[in-house]
Protein backbone atom coordinates (compact mmCIF):
# COMPACT_ATOMS: atom_id res chain seq x y z
CA LEU A 1 0.31 4.82 19.69
CA LYS A 2 3.27 4.51 17.36
CA ILE A 3 3.05 0.84 17.46
CA LEU A 4 -0.71 0.76 16.83
CA PHE A 5 -0.29 3.14 13.92
CA ARG A 6 2.52 1.34 12.37
CA ASP A 7 1.29 -2.12 12.87
CA CYS A 8 -2.52 -2.23 12.54
CA ASP A 9 -4.63 -2.39 9.38
CA VAL A 10 -7.46 -0.44 11.02
CA VAL A 11 -7.10 2.31 13.60
CA VAL A 12 -10.19 3.53 15.29
CA ILE A 13 -9.93 6.73 17.25
CA SER A 14 -12.53 7.22 19.94
CA PRO A 15 -11.06 9.03 22.98
CA TYR A 16 -12.76 11.55 25.03
CA LEU A 17 -11.96 15.09 24.00
CA ASN A 18 -9.75 17.01 26.53
CA LYS A 19 -6.45 18.88 26.81
CA THR A 20 -4.52 15.67 26.47
CA SER A 21 -6.37 14.36 23.46
CA GLU A 22 -6.61 17.57 21.38
CA ASN A 23 -4.59 17.26 18.25
CA LEU A 24 -3.36 13.90 19.59
CA ILE A 25 -3.24 12.45 16.03
CA ASP A 26 -0.67 14.35 14.10
CA TYR A 27 1.42 13.97 10.94
CA PRO A 28 4.28 11.87 12.51
CA LEU A 29 1.75 9.31 13.75
CA LEU A 30 -0.34 9.26 10.40
CA TYR A 31 2.77 8.71 8.46
CA LEU A 32 3.49 5.46 10.23
CA MET A 33 0.32 3.93 8.91
CA LYS A 34 0.71 0.82 6.63
CA LYS A 35 -0.32 0.73 3.00
CA ASN A 36 -3.90 0.10 2.51
CA SER A 37 -4.76 0.67 6.14
CA LEU A 38 -7.80 2.54 7.52
CA LEU A 39 -8.16 5.29 10.03
CA VAL A 40 -11.60 5.94 11.49
CA ASN A 41 -12.39 8.92 13.86
CA THR A 42 -15.66 8.60 15.79
CA SER A 43 -14.87 10.74 18.74
CA ARG A 44 -14.40 14.37 18.02
CA GLY A 45 -12.72 16.22 15.24
CA GLU A 46 -10.40 18.19 17.48
CA VAL A 47 -8.53 14.95 18.30
CA VAL A 48 -6.93 14.90 14.90
CA ASN A 49 -4.83 17.91 13.70
CA GLU A 50 -6.71 18.55 10.62
CA THR A 51 -3.90 20.47 8.94
CA ASP A 52 -1.71 17.43 9.42
CA LEU A 53 -4.49 15.25 8.09
CA ILE A 54 -5.01 17.17 4.97
CA SER A 55 -1.32 17.14 4.16
CA PHE A 56 -1.19 13.36 4.89
CA ILE A 57 -4.27 12.51 2.80
CA LYS A 58 -2.85 14.50 -0.24
CA LYS A 59 0.58 12.71 0.02
CA ARG A 60 -0.58 9.24 1.07
CA LYS A 61 -3.21 7.80 -1.44
CA ASP A 62 -2.59 4.31 -0.07
CA VAL A 63 -4.16 4.91 3.18
CA PHE A 64 -7.85 5.34 3.73
CA VAL A 65 -9.55 7.80 6.27
CA ASN A 66 -13.22 7.73 7.47
CA LEU A 67 -14.19 10.61 9.49
CA ASP A 68 -17.59 10.49 11.40
CA VAL A 69 -16.62 13.87 13.06
CA ILE A 70 -14.71 17.14 12.02
CA GLN A 71 -13.65 20.14 13.56
CA GLY A 72 -16.51 22.69 13.86
CA GLU A 73 -19.04 20.38 12.50
CA GLN A 74 -21.82 22.62 13.89
CA LYS A 75 -20.55 25.56 11.92
CA ASN A 76 -21.09 26.41 8.16
CA LEU A 77 -19.51 23.53 6.42
CA LYS A 78 -19.57 24.96 2.85
CA ASN A 79 -15.98 26.19 3.08
CA ASN A 80 -14.54 23.30 5.15
CA ARG A 81 -11.23 22.18 3.82
CA LEU A 82 -11.75 18.45 4.53
CA ILE A 83 -15.18 18.26 2.96
CA LYS A 84 -13.76 19.93 -0.07
CA LEU A 85 -10.76 17.45 0.01
CA SER A 86 -13.33 14.48 0.27
CA MET A 87 -14.85 15.35 -2.93
CA GLN A 88 -11.57 15.31 -4.78
CA ASN A 89 -10.02 12.13 -3.07
CA ASN A 90 -11.21 8.55 -3.12
CA ASN A 91 -9.17 7.89 0.10
CA LEU A 92 -11.27 10.24 2.37
CA LEU A 93 -14.88 9.38 3.27
CA ILE A 94 -16.72 11.80 5.66
CA THR A 95 -20.12 10.57 7.14
CA PRO A 96 -22.51 12.61 9.25
CA HIS A 97 -22.15 12.24 12.99
CA ILE A 98 -25.87 11.42 13.39
CA ALA A 99 -25.95 7.65 13.73
CA GLY A 100 -28.91 7.85 15.94
CA LEU A 101 -31.09 9.47 13.35
CA THR A 102 -31.86 6.53 11.29
CA TYR A 103 -35.64 5.66 10.55
CA GLU A 104 -35.35 2.68 12.65
CA SER A 105 -33.70 4.25 15.66
CA GLN A 106 -36.32 7.16 15.61
CA LEU A 107 -39.08 4.51 15.46
CA LYS A 108 -37.73 2.47 18.23
CA ALA A 109 -37.18 5.64 20.49
CA GLY A 110 -40.88 6.81 19.65
CA ASN A 111 -42.35 3.47 20.49
CA PHE A 112 -40.41 3.28 23.71
CA SER A 113 -41.52 6.85 24.79
CA ILE A 114 -45.19 6.01 23.88
CA ASN A 115 -45.06 2.81 25.91
CA LYS A 116 -43.57 4.69 28.92
CA ILE A 117 -46.48 7.19 28.72
CA ILE A 118 -49.02 4.34 28.55
CA ASP A 119 -47.30 2.55 31.43
CA PHE A 120 -47.46 5.75 33.48
CA PHE A 121 -51.11 6.33 33.03
CA ASN A 122 -51.95 2.46 33.46
CA LEU A 123 -50.41 2.75 36.93
CA ASN A 124 -52.16 5.82 38.09
């Protein structure tokens, strides 16, 4: 991990969340990131130590962070520290963890379901 964080321009985090991966990404790893590099988390918010991430984002304006997930994303987000920070910093972008809820994906899922129902009744 140290080599990846030190040498890569883009680091995408996507491990399964378990006891080993919880808070896996912390301040010492984050601080190794190169200038103008990008960190993307698409797994679970708990994989990144958010307290460390907040400190890192405030100090390192030369690194960009995109989070598709945050800790407690099912809870009330009005007071979430990362969301507040994203409104004040251009180096932090938070996107909703709902990639499958686009118009196109919903249309495709609906058409697939309708065709399965039609196929079922055509066979019986």
